[in-house]
Protein backbone atom coordinates (compact mmCIF):
# COMPACT_ATOMS: atom_id res chain seq x y z
CA MET A 1 -23.03 -1.51 -26.79
CA SER A 2 -25.06 -3.25 -24.11
CA ASP A 3 -23.65 -4.09 -20.68
CA ASN A 4 -23.83 -7.81 -21.41
CA GLN A 5 -21.26 -7.29 -24.18
CA ILE A 6 -18.79 -6.02 -21.58
CA GLY A 7 -16.96 -9.00 -20.13
CA SER A 8 -15.95 -7.42 -16.81
CA ASP A 9 -16.90 -4.50 -14.70
CA VAL A 10 -13.23 -3.93 -13.91
CA LEU A 11 -10.12 -5.38 -15.55
CA VAL A 12 -7.03 -5.33 -13.34
CA VAL A 13 -3.64 -5.65 -15.02
CA GLY A 14 -1.06 -7.06 -12.61
CA ALA A 15 -1.38 -9.74 -9.91
CA GLY A 16 0.99 -8.24 -7.41
CA PRO A 17 -0.21 -7.11 -3.97
CA THR A 18 -1.84 -3.92 -5.28
CA GLY A 19 -3.78 -5.64 -8.06
CA LEU A 20 -4.82 -8.56 -5.88
CA LEU A 21 -6.16 -6.40 -3.03
CA LEU A 22 -8.11 -4.33 -5.53
CA ALA A 23 -9.48 -7.41 -7.30
CA GLY A 24 -10.51 -8.97 -4.00
CA ASP A 25 -12.37 -5.84 -2.93
CA LEU A 26 -14.21 -5.55 -6.25
CA ALA A 27 -15.13 -9.23 -6.43
CA ALA A 28 -16.30 -9.25 -2.80
CA ALA A 29 -18.65 -6.40 -3.69
CA GLY A 30 -20.20 -8.56 -6.42
CA LEU A 31 -18.50 -7.01 -9.44
CA ARG A 32 -17.20 -9.02 -12.40
CA VAL A 33 -13.41 -8.82 -12.15
CA THR A 34 -10.67 -10.19 -14.39
CA VAL A 35 -6.96 -9.99 -13.55
CA LEU A 36 -4.35 -10.24 -16.32
CA GLU A 37 -0.86 -11.21 -15.14
CA LYS A 38 2.17 -11.43 -17.43
CA ARG A 39 3.94 -14.01 -15.26
CA ASP A 40 3.09 -17.66 -16.00
CA THR A 41 3.78 -18.75 -12.42
CA GLU A 42 4.34 -17.17 -9.04
CA SER A 43 7.67 -15.40 -8.79
CA ASN A 44 10.12 -16.77 -6.24
CA LEU A 45 11.68 -13.33 -5.90
CA THR A 46 10.50 -11.63 -2.73
CA ARG A 47 10.91 -7.89 -2.92
CA ALA A 48 9.11 -6.14 -0.06
CA PHE A 49 9.43 -7.22 3.55
CA ALA A 50 7.89 -4.43 5.61
CA VAL A 51 4.16 -4.21 6.26
CA HIS A 52 3.41 -1.02 8.18
CA ALA A 53 0.71 -0.30 10.75
CA ARG A 54 -1.74 1.47 8.41
CA THR A 55 -1.52 -1.33 5.87
CA LEU A 56 -2.17 -3.89 8.59
CA GLU A 57 -5.25 -1.92 9.61
CA LEU A 58 -6.52 -2.08 6.03
CA LEU A 59 -5.83 -5.81 5.96
CA ASP A 60 -7.66 -6.10 9.28
CA ALA A 61 -10.69 -4.56 7.55
CA ARG A 62 -10.45 -7.55 5.19
CA ALA A 63 -9.96 -10.17 7.94
CA LEU A 64 -6.39 -10.86 6.76
CA ALA A 65 -4.17 -9.05 9.24
CA ASP A 66 -4.02 -11.67 11.96
CA ASP A 67 -3.14 -14.41 9.47
CA LEU A 68 -0.38 -12.27 7.97
CA VAL A 69 1.03 -11.30 11.38
CA ALA A 70 1.35 -15.00 12.19
CA THR A 71 3.78 -15.42 9.26
CA GLY A 72 6.34 -12.85 10.35
CA THR A 73 8.13 -10.94 13.07
CA ALA A 74 6.70 -7.83 14.71
CA LEU A 75 9.38 -5.15 14.99
CA ARG A 76 8.48 -2.54 17.59
CA SER A 77 11.50 -0.28 17.11
CA LEU A 78 13.89 0.62 14.31
CA ARG A 79 17.50 1.75 14.63
CA LEU A 80 18.78 4.01 11.86
CA PHE A 81 22.38 5.12 11.25
CA GLY A 82 23.46 3.28 14.36
CA ARG A 83 22.04 5.84 16.80
CA LEU A 84 18.49 6.92 16.02
CA ARG A 85 15.87 4.56 17.43
CA ILE A 86 12.28 5.02 16.27
CA GLU A 87 9.83 3.49 18.71
CA LEU A 88 6.87 2.04 16.85
CA GLY A 89 5.42 0.49 20.00
CA GLN A 90 3.99 3.92 20.87
CA LEU A 91 1.80 4.07 17.76
CA ARG A 92 -1.89 4.30 18.58
CA SER A 93 -2.96 1.34 16.54
CA ARG A 94 -3.91 -2.30 17.02
CA PHE A 95 -0.64 -2.93 15.20
CA PRO A 96 2.05 -0.80 16.90
CA PHE A 97 4.92 -2.30 14.91
CA VAL A 98 6.24 -2.98 11.44
CA LEU A 99 5.72 -6.59 10.38
CA ILE A 100 8.69 -8.27 8.74
CA THR A 101 7.41 -10.94 6.38
CA PRO A 102 8.22 -11.82 2.76
CA GLN A 103 5.98 -10.22 0.14
CA SER A 104 5.03 -13.69 -1.04
CA ASN A 105 3.02 -14.20 2.15
CA THR A 106 1.05 -11.00 1.53
CA GLU A 107 0.42 -12.00 -2.09
CA ARG A 108 -0.71 -15.50 -1.11
CA LEU A 109 -3.37 -14.25 1.31
CA LEU A 110 -4.59 -11.59 -1.13
CA GLN A 111 -4.77 -14.06 -4.01
CA GLU A 112 -6.71 -16.59 -1.93
CA ARG A 113 -9.18 -13.88 -0.96
CA ALA A 114 -9.60 -12.60 -4.54
CA SER A 115 -10.10 -16.08 -5.98
CA LYS A 116 -12.54 -17.07 -3.25
CA ALA A 117 -14.54 -13.91 -3.90
CA GLY A 118 -14.87 -14.82 -7.57
CA ALA A 119 -12.14 -12.86 -9.35
CA THR A 120 -10.79 -14.52 -12.51
CA ILE A 121 -6.96 -14.52 -12.61
CA LEU A 122 -5.40 -15.22 -16.01
CA ARG A 123 -1.66 -15.84 -15.98
CA GLY A 124 0.70 -15.72 -18.91
CA ALA A 125 -1.28 -12.78 -20.33
CA GLU A 126 0.91 -10.02 -21.75
CA VAL A 127 -0.95 -6.80 -22.47
CA THR A 128 -0.20 -5.48 -25.96
CA GLY A 129 -2.96 -2.99 -26.75
CA LEU A 130 -5.54 -0.70 -25.12
CA ARG A 131 -8.30 1.50 -26.45
CA GLN A 132 -11.21 3.18 -24.73
CA ASP A 133 -14.38 5.08 -25.47
CA GLY A 134 -17.04 6.75 -23.36
CA ARG A 135 -18.45 3.48 -22.04
CA SER A 136 -15.70 0.87 -21.88
CA VAL A 137 -12.05 -0.08 -22.30
CA THR A 138 -10.78 -2.87 -24.55
CA VAL A 139 -7.46 -4.51 -23.65
CA THR A 140 -5.60 -6.82 -26.03
CA CYS A 141 -3.27 -9.42 -24.57
CA ARG A 142 -1.22 -12.34 -25.84
CA ARG A 143 -1.57 -15.64 -23.98
CA GLY A 144 1.03 -18.39 -23.90
CA GLY A 145 4.19 -16.61 -25.02
CA ALA A 146 5.35 -14.83 -28.17
CA ASP A 147 3.56 -17.28 -30.49
CA GLY A 148 0.38 -17.42 -28.46
CA PRO A 149 -2.99 -16.13 -29.65
CA LEU A 150 -4.25 -12.61 -29.10
CA GLU A 151 -7.31 -12.06 -26.92
CA GLU A 152 -9.51 -9.06 -26.31
CA HIS A 153 -11.00 -8.24 -22.93
CA ARG A 154 -13.58 -5.49 -22.54
CA ALA A 155 -14.41 -3.84 -19.21
CA ARG A 156 -16.11 -0.75 -17.91
CA TYR A 157 -12.91 0.31 -16.16
CA VAL A 158 -9.27 -0.80 -16.21
CA VAL A 159 -6.65 -0.48 -13.47
CA GLY A 160 -2.98 -0.76 -14.36
CA ALA A 161 -1.22 -2.29 -11.35
CA ASP A 162 1.50 -3.84 -13.49
CA GLY A 163 4.61 -2.40 -11.88
CA VAL A 164 7.43 -0.05 -12.76
CA ARG A 165 7.54 -1.25 -16.37
CA SER A 166 3.77 -0.85 -16.75
CA ALA A 167 2.42 -1.76 -20.16
CA VAL A 168 -0.83 0.04 -19.35
CA ARG A 169 1.01 3.26 -18.57
CA ASP A 170 3.07 3.02 -21.76
CA LEU A 171 0.01 2.29 -23.91
CA LEU A 172 -1.72 5.35 -22.45
CA GLY A 173 1.33 7.45 -23.26
CA ILE A 174 1.55 8.76 -19.70
CA PRO A 175 5.05 10.03 -18.85
CA PHE A 176 6.92 8.65 -15.85
CA PRO A 177 9.35 11.45 -14.96
CA GLY A 178 12.05 11.07 -12.34
CA GLU A 179 15.61 9.94 -11.85
CA SER A 180 17.79 7.10 -10.68
CA VAL A 181 18.64 7.49 -6.98
CA VAL A 182 21.17 4.74 -6.55
CA ASP A 183 22.73 2.23 -8.92
CA SER A 184 24.87 -0.92 -8.70
CA VAL A 185 23.10 -2.18 -5.58
CA LEU A 186 23.86 -5.77 -4.62
CA LEU A 187 20.93 -8.01 -3.77
CA ALA A 188 21.14 -11.58 -2.48
CA ASP A 189 19.47 -14.35 -0.50
CA VAL A 190 22.04 -15.97 1.79
CA ARG A 191 22.53 -18.00 4.94
CA LEU A 192 24.48 -16.67 7.91
CA GLU A 193 26.90 -18.40 10.25
CA ARG A 194 26.00 -15.93 13.03
CA GLU A 195 22.66 -14.24 13.58
CA PRO A 196 22.67 -10.44 13.89
CA GLU A 197 21.61 -8.86 17.18
CA GLU A 198 18.70 -6.97 15.61
CA VAL A 199 15.90 -8.41 13.48
CA LEU A 200 16.39 -5.56 11.02
CA THR A 201 20.09 -4.77 10.58
CA VAL A 202 20.99 -1.49 8.86
CA GLY A 203 24.34 0.23 8.54
CA ALA A 204 25.72 3.22 6.64
CA THR A 205 29.38 4.29 6.65
CA GLU A 206 31.93 5.94 4.38
CA ALA A 207 32.25 2.58 2.59
CA GLY A 208 28.56 2.36 1.67
CA PHE A 209 25.49 0.79 3.26
CA ALA A 210 24.14 -2.65 4.08
CA PHE A 211 20.73 -3.99 5.07
CA LEU A 212 19.76 -7.47 6.29
CA VAL A 213 16.33 -8.90 6.99
CA PRO A 214 15.29 -12.51 7.71
CA PHE A 215 12.88 -14.60 5.67
CA GLY A 216 12.11 -16.53 8.84
CA ASP A 217 13.27 -19.89 7.47
CA GLY A 218 17.01 -19.46 7.88
CA TRP A 219 17.50 -17.39 4.73
CA TYR A 220 18.31 -13.66 4.79
CA ARG A 221 17.81 -10.98 2.19
CA VAL A 222 20.90 -8.76 1.95
CA ILE A 223 20.97 -5.41 0.17
CA ALA A 224 24.30 -3.59 0.00
CA TRP A 225 25.92 -0.74 -1.90
CA ASP A 226 29.63 -0.04 -2.35
CA ARG A 227 30.35 3.68 -2.55
CA HIS A 228 33.69 3.05 -4.27
CA ARG A 229 32.66 0.40 -6.82
CA ARG A 230 29.96 1.36 -9.29
CA VAL A 231 29.33 -1.08 -12.13
CA ARG A 232 26.50 -1.84 -14.54
CA ASP A 233 23.44 -3.71 -13.31
CA ASP A 234 24.31 -6.63 -15.59
CA ALA A 235 27.85 -7.01 -14.11
CA ARG A 236 28.02 -10.42 -12.45
CA PRO A 237 28.00 -10.10 -8.64
CA ASP A 238 30.20 -12.18 -6.39
CA LEU A 239 29.36 -13.49 -2.89
CA SER A 240 32.82 -12.67 -1.56
CA GLU A 241 32.37 -9.07 -2.68
CA LEU A 242 29.03 -8.88 -0.89
CA ALA A 243 30.38 -10.56 2.27
CA GLU A 244 33.36 -8.17 2.50
CA LEU A 245 31.20 -5.09 1.91
CA THR A 246 28.67 -6.19 4.53
CA ARG A 247 31.44 -6.91 7.06
CA THR A 248 33.02 -3.50 6.46
CA VAL A 249 29.77 -1.52 6.75
CA LEU A 250 28.28 -3.37 9.72
CA GLY A 251 31.56 -3.79 11.58
CA GLN A 252 30.94 -7.50 12.14
CA ASP A 253 31.40 -10.67 10.17
CA LEU A 254 28.10 -12.57 10.03
CA GLY A 255 29.50 -15.31 7.83
CA LEU A 256 27.49 -14.96 4.63
CA HIS A 257 27.41 -18.22 2.66
CA ASP A 258 25.40 -20.41 0.29
CA ALA A 259 23.82 -17.64 -1.77
CA ARG A 260 20.84 -19.07 -3.64
CA TRP A 261 20.45 -15.91 -5.66
CA LEU A 262 22.65 -12.88 -6.48
CA SER A 263 21.91 -9.80 -8.57
CA ARG A 264 22.39 -6.08 -9.00
CA PHE A 265 19.73 -3.43 -9.46
CA HIS A 266 19.18 0.32 -9.48
CA SER A 267 16.50 2.27 -7.67
CA ASP A 268 14.50 5.10 -9.29
CA GLU A 269 12.30 7.89 -7.98
CA ARG A 270 9.43 8.42 -10.41
CA GLN A 271 5.76 9.44 -10.41
CA VAL A 272 3.18 9.90 -13.13
CA PRO A 273 1.50 13.33 -13.29
CA SER A 274 -1.96 11.77 -13.41
CA TYR A 275 -3.29 8.55 -11.88
CA ARG A 276 -6.31 8.58 -14.19
CA SER A 277 -6.83 8.68 -17.96
CA GLY A 278 -10.52 8.42 -18.81
CA ARG A 279 -11.68 4.99 -17.67
CA VAL A 280 -8.17 3.77 -16.89
CA PHE A 281 -6.40 4.19 -13.55
CA LEU A 282 -2.84 3.54 -12.42
CA ALA A 283 -1.94 2.19 -8.96
CA GLY A 284 1.12 1.00 -7.09
CA ASP A 285 4.50 0.95 -8.83
CA ALA A 286 2.83 1.70 -12.17
CA ALA A 287 2.04 5.15 -10.76
CA HIS A 288 5.02 5.75 -8.49
CA CYS A 289 8.30 4.13 -7.53
CA HIS A 290 10.77 5.14 -4.87
CA SER A 291 13.86 4.05 -3.02
CA PRO A 292 13.54 1.03 -0.71
CA ALA A 293 14.37 3.22 2.31
CA GLY A 294 11.55 3.06 4.82
CA GLY A 295 9.96 0.04 3.17
CA GLN A 296 7.01 2.08 1.92
CA GLY A 297 6.66 0.92 -1.69
CA MET A 298 4.30 -2.04 -1.35
CA ASN A 299 2.43 -0.32 1.46
CA THR A 300 1.74 2.74 -0.66
CA GLY A 301 0.42 0.54 -3.49
CA LEU A 302 -1.89 -1.40 -1.17
CA GLN A 303 -3.23 1.88 0.18
CA ASP A 304 -3.79 3.09 -3.41
CA ALA A 305 -5.91 0.00 -3.99
CA ALA A 306 -7.93 0.48 -0.80
CA ASN A 307 -8.64 4.07 -1.78
CA LEU A 308 -9.71 3.24 -5.34
CA SER A 309 -11.67 0.01 -4.89
CA TRP A 310 -14.73 1.35 -3.07
CA LYS A 311 -14.96 4.26 -5.48
CA LEU A 312 -15.02 1.91 -8.47
CA VAL A 313 -17.68 -0.19 -6.74
CA ALA A 314 -19.85 2.91 -6.26
CA ALA A 315 -19.30 3.98 -9.86
CA CYS A 316 -20.18 0.56 -11.28
CA ARG A 317 -23.37 0.51 -9.19
CA GLY A 318 -24.38 3.96 -10.39
CA GLU A 319 -24.13 5.38 -6.89
CA ALA A 320 -21.29 7.84 -7.51
CA THR A 321 -20.56 10.80 -9.70
CA ASP A 322 -17.40 11.07 -11.76
CA ALA A 323 -16.08 13.45 -9.13
CA LEU A 324 -15.66 10.56 -6.69
CA LEU A 325 -13.41 8.77 -9.19
CA ASP A 326 -11.44 11.99 -9.70
CA SER A 327 -10.82 12.12 -5.95
CA TYR A 328 -8.47 9.15 -6.33
CA GLN A 329 -5.96 11.45 -8.03
CA GLN A 330 -6.59 14.27 -5.58
CA GLU A 331 -6.03 12.05 -2.55
CA ARG A 332 -3.37 9.58 -3.58
CA HIS A 333 -1.07 11.64 -5.82
CA PRO A 334 0.07 13.87 -2.90
CA VAL A 335 0.67 10.75 -0.80
CA GLY A 336 2.85 9.23 -3.50
CA ARG A 337 4.78 12.49 -3.78
CA ALA A 338 5.30 12.61 -0.01
CA VAL A 339 6.63 9.04 0.01
CA LEU A 340 9.06 9.92 -2.78
CA ARG A 341 10.36 12.80 -0.68
CA SER A 342 10.63 10.92 2.62
CA SER A 343 12.19 7.76 1.20
CA GLY A 344 14.46 9.91 -0.97
CA ALA A 345 15.63 11.86 2.06
CA LEU A 346 16.43 8.62 3.90
CA ILE A 347 18.40 7.08 1.04
CA ARG A 348 20.32 10.30 0.39
CA ALA A 349 21.20 10.50 4.07
CA ALA A 350 22.44 6.91 3.94
CA LEU A 351 24.44 7.60 0.78
CA ALA A 352 25.93 10.89 1.99
CA GLN A 353 29.32 11.09 0.30
CA SER A 354 31.11 14.15 1.63
CA ALA A 355 32.45 14.31 5.16
CA PRO A 356 30.54 17.57 5.91
CA THR A 357 27.27 15.98 4.76
CA ARG A 358 27.84 12.92 6.90
CA ALA A 359 28.66 15.19 9.84
CA LEU A 360 25.38 17.07 9.28
CA ARG A 361 23.55 13.73 9.18
CA SER A 362 25.08 12.84 12.53
CA VAL A 363 23.91 16.14 14.04
CA VAL A 364 20.37 15.68 12.70
CA VAL A 365 20.19 12.09 13.92
CA SER A 366 21.44 13.11 17.35
CA ALA A 367 18.88 15.92 17.59
CA ALA A 368 16.01 13.68 16.47
CA ASP A 369 17.07 11.05 18.99
CA ARG A 370 16.89 13.63 21.80
CA LEU A 371 13.61 15.17 20.63
CA GLY A 372 10.98 12.48 21.16
CA PRO A 373 8.18 14.32 19.28
CA LEU A 374 10.25 14.35 16.08
CA ALA A 375 10.88 10.62 16.30
CA ARG A 376 7.19 9.97 17.00
CA LEU A 377 6.21 12.09 14.00
CA GLY A 378 8.61 10.10 11.86
CA ALA A 379 7.07 6.88 13.09
CA ARG A 380 3.56 8.09 12.24
CA GLN A 381 4.68 9.20 8.77
CA VAL A 382 6.47 5.99 7.83
CA SER A 383 3.71 3.82 9.32
CA GLY A 384 1.07 5.57 7.21
CA LEU A 385 -1.02 6.55 10.24
CA ALA A 386 -0.42 10.25 9.61
CA ILE A 387 -1.92 10.23 6.11
CA ARG A 388 -4.77 12.70 5.81
CA TYR A 389 -6.96 13.44 2.79
CA PRO A 390 -8.23 16.92 1.78
CA ALA A 391 -11.48 18.14 3.34
CA PRO A 392 -13.47 21.38 2.99
CA ALA A 393 -12.22 24.29 5.09
CA ASP A 394 -15.41 24.31 7.16
CA ALA A 395 -15.47 20.54 7.71
CA HIS A 396 -15.27 18.87 11.11
CA PRO A 397 -11.63 18.33 12.23
CA LEU A 398 -12.03 14.55 11.81
CA ALA A 399 -12.95 14.79 8.12
CA GLY A 400 -10.30 13.23 5.89
CA ARG A 401 -8.43 11.68 8.79
CA ARG A 402 -7.81 8.00 9.42
CA VAL A 403 -10.26 6.71 12.01
CA PRO A 404 -8.78 4.48 14.72
CA ASP A 405 -10.28 1.13 15.62
CA LEU A 406 -13.24 2.35 17.70
CA ARG A 407 -14.98 -0.04 20.08
CA LEU A 408 -18.60 -0.55 19.03
CA ALA A 409 -21.72 -1.57 20.93
CA VAL A 410 -22.60 -5.12 19.89
CA ASP A 411 -26.30 -5.15 18.99
CA ARG A 412 -26.55 -8.82 18.02
CA PRO A 413 -24.66 -12.09 18.60
CA GLY A 414 -21.59 -12.16 16.39
CA GLY A 415 -21.96 -8.48 15.49
CA PRO A 416 -18.85 -6.33 15.00
CA ALA A 417 -17.25 -5.18 18.25
CA ARG A 418 -14.66 -2.98 16.52
CA LEU A 419 -14.82 -0.48 13.67
CA TYR A 420 -12.46 -2.51 11.48
CA GLU A 421 -14.62 -5.58 11.96
CA ALA A 422 -17.60 -3.52 10.76
CA LEU A 423 -15.58 -2.39 7.73
CA ARG A 424 -15.24 -6.03 6.62
CA ALA A 425 -18.63 -5.67 4.94
CA GLY A 426 -16.90 -3.43 2.38
CA ARG A 427 -19.30 -0.57 3.06
CA ALA A 428 -19.23 2.77 4.81
CA VAL A 429 -19.95 2.72 8.56
CA LEU A 430 -22.14 5.26 10.35
CA VAL A 431 -21.22 5.59 14.02
CA ALA A 432 -23.83 7.44 16.05
CA ASN A 433 -25.92 7.25 19.22
CA ASP A 434 -29.45 8.41 18.37
CA GLU A 435 -29.34 9.26 14.65
CA LEU A 436 -29.10 5.74 13.20
CA PRO A 437 -32.77 5.49 12.07
CA VAL A 438 -32.19 8.37 9.64
CA ALA A 439 -29.88 6.04 7.66
CA GLY A 440 -32.67 3.55 6.90
CA PRO A 441 -33.00 4.41 3.17
CA TRP A 442 -29.25 3.68 2.73
CA ALA A 443 -29.35 0.39 4.64
CA GLN A 444 -27.92 -1.61 1.72
CA ARG A 445 -24.93 0.70 1.35
CA LEU A 446 -23.63 1.11 4.88
CA VAL A 447 -23.27 -0.47 8.28
CA THR A 448 -24.71 1.35 11.27
CA ALA A 449 -23.28 1.07 14.78
CA ALA A 450 -23.26 2.86 18.10
CA PRO A 451 -20.05 3.55 20.03
CA ALA A 452 -19.42 1.14 22.91
CA ASP A 453 -19.22 4.09 25.29
CA PRO A 454 -22.18 6.40 24.51
CA HIS A 455 -20.80 8.96 26.95
CA GLY A 456 -17.26 8.94 25.60
CA LYS A 457 -15.48 11.32 23.25
CA LEU A 458 -18.03 10.71 20.46
CA ARG A 459 -21.12 11.14 22.63
CA ASP A 460 -22.53 14.01 20.54
CA THR A 461 -20.61 13.29 17.31
CA VAL A 462 -22.00 11.49 14.31
CA LEU A 463 -19.24 9.95 12.23
CA LEU A 464 -19.45 8.56 8.68
CA VAL A 465 -16.47 6.33 7.97
CA ARG A 466 -15.53 5.51 4.38
CA PRO A 467 -14.89 1.86 3.42
CA ASP A 468 -11.14 2.62 3.48
CA GLY A 469 -11.26 3.70 7.13
CA TYR A 470 -11.07 7.48 6.69
CA ALA A 471 -13.69 9.90 7.97
CA ALA A 472 -15.91 11.02 5.12
CA TRP A 473 -17.96 13.40 7.30
CA ALA A 474 -18.53 14.20 10.95
CA ALA A 475 -20.72 16.62 12.86
CA VAL A 476 -21.65 17.37 16.44
CA ASP A 477 -25.37 16.91 17.08
CA PRO A 478 -26.39 17.32 13.39
CA THR A 479 -29.96 17.83 12.24
CA GLU A 480 -31.68 15.06 10.31
CA GLY A 481 -31.40 17.20 7.19
CA GLU A 482 -27.64 17.63 7.61
CA LEU A 483 -27.18 13.89 8.07
CA ARG A 484 -29.33 13.06 5.03
CA ALA A 485 -27.34 15.55 2.95
CA ALA A 486 -24.05 13.92 4.00
CA LEU A 487 -25.33 10.41 3.26
CA THR A 488 -26.57 11.53 -0.16
CA GLU A 489 -23.23 13.21 -0.97
CA TRP A 490 -21.19 10.14 -0.10
CA LEU A 491 -23.52 7.23 -0.80
CA GLY A 492 -25.77 8.54 -3.56
CA SER A 493 -29.50 9.17 -3.54
CA ALA A 494 -31.59 7.27 -1.02
CA SER A 495 -33.32 4.08 -2.15
CA GLU A 496 -37.06 4.32 -2.55
């Protein structure tokens, strides 16, 4: 089979945030990208609201963060269980807050970027079959409903970003082990007669829990759970039931009325054992799902996409070995597992049923509130800033760590003044003082820049930053041979 018989370099299944960020990255790099989305039209159901600091940094590297921040509310502290306040304003990031904005805003910006970059988005395309060989993957889909025609799409690689009920995952036969964490949760969009004191309102008592967050247009999303009334997900919810439960848990009557949408759902904790099967990868909710506690679901999926996209670009260009693609599993699977544990711990604390367990929760919350370092660590974990990828034992301490937004020396008018502006080229960035000429043979694969302060902390350090903003390699005063070896390892052989 010749390459011109392969319709796309990468086929992405799912046009949610994860799939759209991935498609935009791939298309911006010049790859042929097709997105298959089962939905005929945009969903009016907004699920995620929280965009954390690390995700905003990744969006900043795509020139989207400022536009997204303008759509929502920046929350610089969180109050949990009525007593524990987590101060996000102390995070060392350009975005020391969690942004509260409907998921639809994130999707809109990502879709505009992907389409502008040249990605083809096909809606109403339900995936029904998948087969792969050593060179490509063929996906069968049905367009236009149950009676619509079948189509085949062939690509070099496929990414399943099609959610918890992933057709790609099922067709691969990959198990999705886990359990249901909480059931019979009420979900609604309502108006309020009285605004709550906090932007994000959370409460947990013996009666259950309740959570309110604003859309920003007068509507509020309410999530609530009644400890003493557990019914099937298909049991019809009632606004009066939701209003009474919310009043009881929060200790105040906010006057819920005019629900435009009411439903019930259950939340699972699940994760696939492998994020890769041959030429097919899983990302976002197709690979892992967790409780809504901490608002980490969408953020984890977007970070999956940022980790995978540059590796697929390198593989499609012939600049990477298969080991680089395997590193997606090695790096992201532990992150997904950690999110399952942290969000699971939060939801179990909120749902604590016995009096002794609730008393223990109160003691832990009180201790964490008094011990600032614990609260700061929690903020870094939930925000995603603490994520670190594996590195060799003898590597520089920066290797595998997220690199903050370094100030750069501007060498030309309009040149990048910050690291995350330099990352907008979609390439690796080499930050160094005197060693930049060594990178000449890799000029088409990376951006070179000097630190704004040549006598600062990095004065003798050469730093190679991956396209996803993590340190690939670093060394103090390396030889030319050491630098060439690092560039070859991460960017492929030098161009002639």
